[in-house]
Amino acid sequence: MRELLVTNDTVLLGYVTALLADQGINTLVFDQHISVMEGGIGAFPRRLMVSEDNWSRAVRILCDADLAEWVNGLDNA
């Protein structure tokens, strides 16, 4: 698994997850249940993960959707 983006924005997270799912890319959200520990204040960002095999394709999809600024590690692609 490779980290695609990190955000506290649940709307963005849902949008990107749906966008990738529409293209057949499975995702996994890490840290989504940390709010139980933090009291729901949004201090801990959620991490959207994709398989290493799908990472480059997911990056292209996000760039095409004008979301390149959110891609983690884009300079390493």
Protein backbone atom coordinates (compact mmCIF):
# COMPACT_ATOMS: atom_id res chain seq x y z
CA MET A 1 0.00 0.00 0.00
CA ARG A 2 1.15 3.51 -0.75
CA GLU A 3 -0.11 6.78 0.67
CA LEU A 4 -1.89 8.80 -2.01
CA LEU A 5 -3.14 11.75 0.00
CA VAL A 6 -3.43 13.02 3.55
CA THR A 7 -6.30 15.26 4.59
CA ASN A 8 -8.73 16.26 7.33
CA ASP A 9 -11.32 17.11 4.66
CA THR A 10 -13.86 14.28 4.73
CA VAL A 11 -15.62 15.63 1.64
CA LEU A 12 -12.38 15.53 -0.38
CA LEU A 13 -11.65 12.07 0.96
CA GLY A 14 -15.07 10.82 -0.08
CA TYR A 15 -14.80 12.45 -3.50
CA VAL A 16 -11.38 10.99 -4.26
CA THR A 17 -12.45 7.57 -2.99
CA ALA A 18 -15.49 7.63 -5.28
CA LEU A 19 -13.45 8.96 -8.21
CA LEU A 20 -10.93 6.15 -7.89
CA ALA A 21 -13.58 3.49 -7.27
CA ASP A 22 -15.29 4.57 -10.49
CA GLN A 23 -12.02 3.73 -12.27
CA GLY A 24 -11.73 0.35 -10.54
CA ILE A 25 -9.09 1.37 -8.00
CA ASN A 26 -9.63 0.11 -4.46
CA THR A 27 -8.63 2.40 -1.62
CA LEU A 28 -8.19 2.07 2.10
CA VAL A 29 -8.50 4.92 4.59
CA PHE A 30 -6.05 4.81 7.46
CA ASP A 31 -6.71 6.68 10.71
CA GLN A 32 -10.42 7.20 10.07
CA HIS A 33 -11.37 5.99 13.55
CA ILE A 34 -8.81 8.07 15.42
CA SER A 35 -11.56 10.62 16.11
CA VAL A 36 -12.64 8.42 19.02
CA MET A 37 -9.28 9.14 20.62
CA GLU A 38 -9.06 12.81 19.62
CA GLY A 39 -12.60 13.77 20.56
CA GLY A 40 -13.61 14.70 17.00
CA ILE A 41 -11.51 17.88 16.81
CA GLY A 42 -9.91 16.96 13.48
CA ALA A 43 -6.34 17.06 14.73
CA PHE A 44 -5.30 13.86 12.98
CA PRO A 45 -5.51 13.70 9.20
CA ARG A 46 -6.80 10.64 7.41
CA ARG A 47 -4.54 8.85 4.91
CA LEU A 48 -5.90 7.46 1.66
CA MET A 49 -3.94 4.42 0.56
CA VAL A 50 -3.84 2.60 -2.77
CA SER A 51 -1.90 -0.45 -3.87
CA GLU A 52 1.59 0.16 -5.20
CA ASP A 53 0.42 -1.24 -8.58
CA ASN A 54 -2.35 1.37 -8.85
CA TRP A 55 -0.48 4.37 -7.44
CA SER A 56 0.69 5.87 -10.76
CA ARG A 57 -2.74 5.44 -12.31
CA ALA A 58 -4.40 6.99 -9.26
CA VAL A 59 -2.02 9.96 -9.48
CA ARG A 60 -2.94 10.50 -13.14
CA ILE A 61 -6.64 10.37 -12.28
CA LEU A 62 -6.21 12.96 -9.54
CA CYS A 63 -4.10 15.19 -11.78
CA ASP A 64 -6.76 14.98 -14.51
CA ALA A 65 -9.35 16.00 -11.88
CA ASP A 66 -7.20 19.06 -10.99
CA LEU A 67 -6.35 17.59 -7.57
CA ALA A 68 -2.57 17.27 -8.04
CA GLU A 69 -1.88 19.55 -5.08
CA TRP A 70 -3.30 16.87 -2.77
CA VAL A 71 -1.15 14.00 -4.04
CA ASN A 72 1.42 12.96 -1.47
CA GLY A 73 4.84 12.21 -2.94
CA LEU A 74 4.04 13.45 -6.43
CA ASP A 75 7.61 14.68 -6.85
CA ASN A 76 8.71 11.03 -6.45
CA ALA A 77 6.41 9.68 -9.17
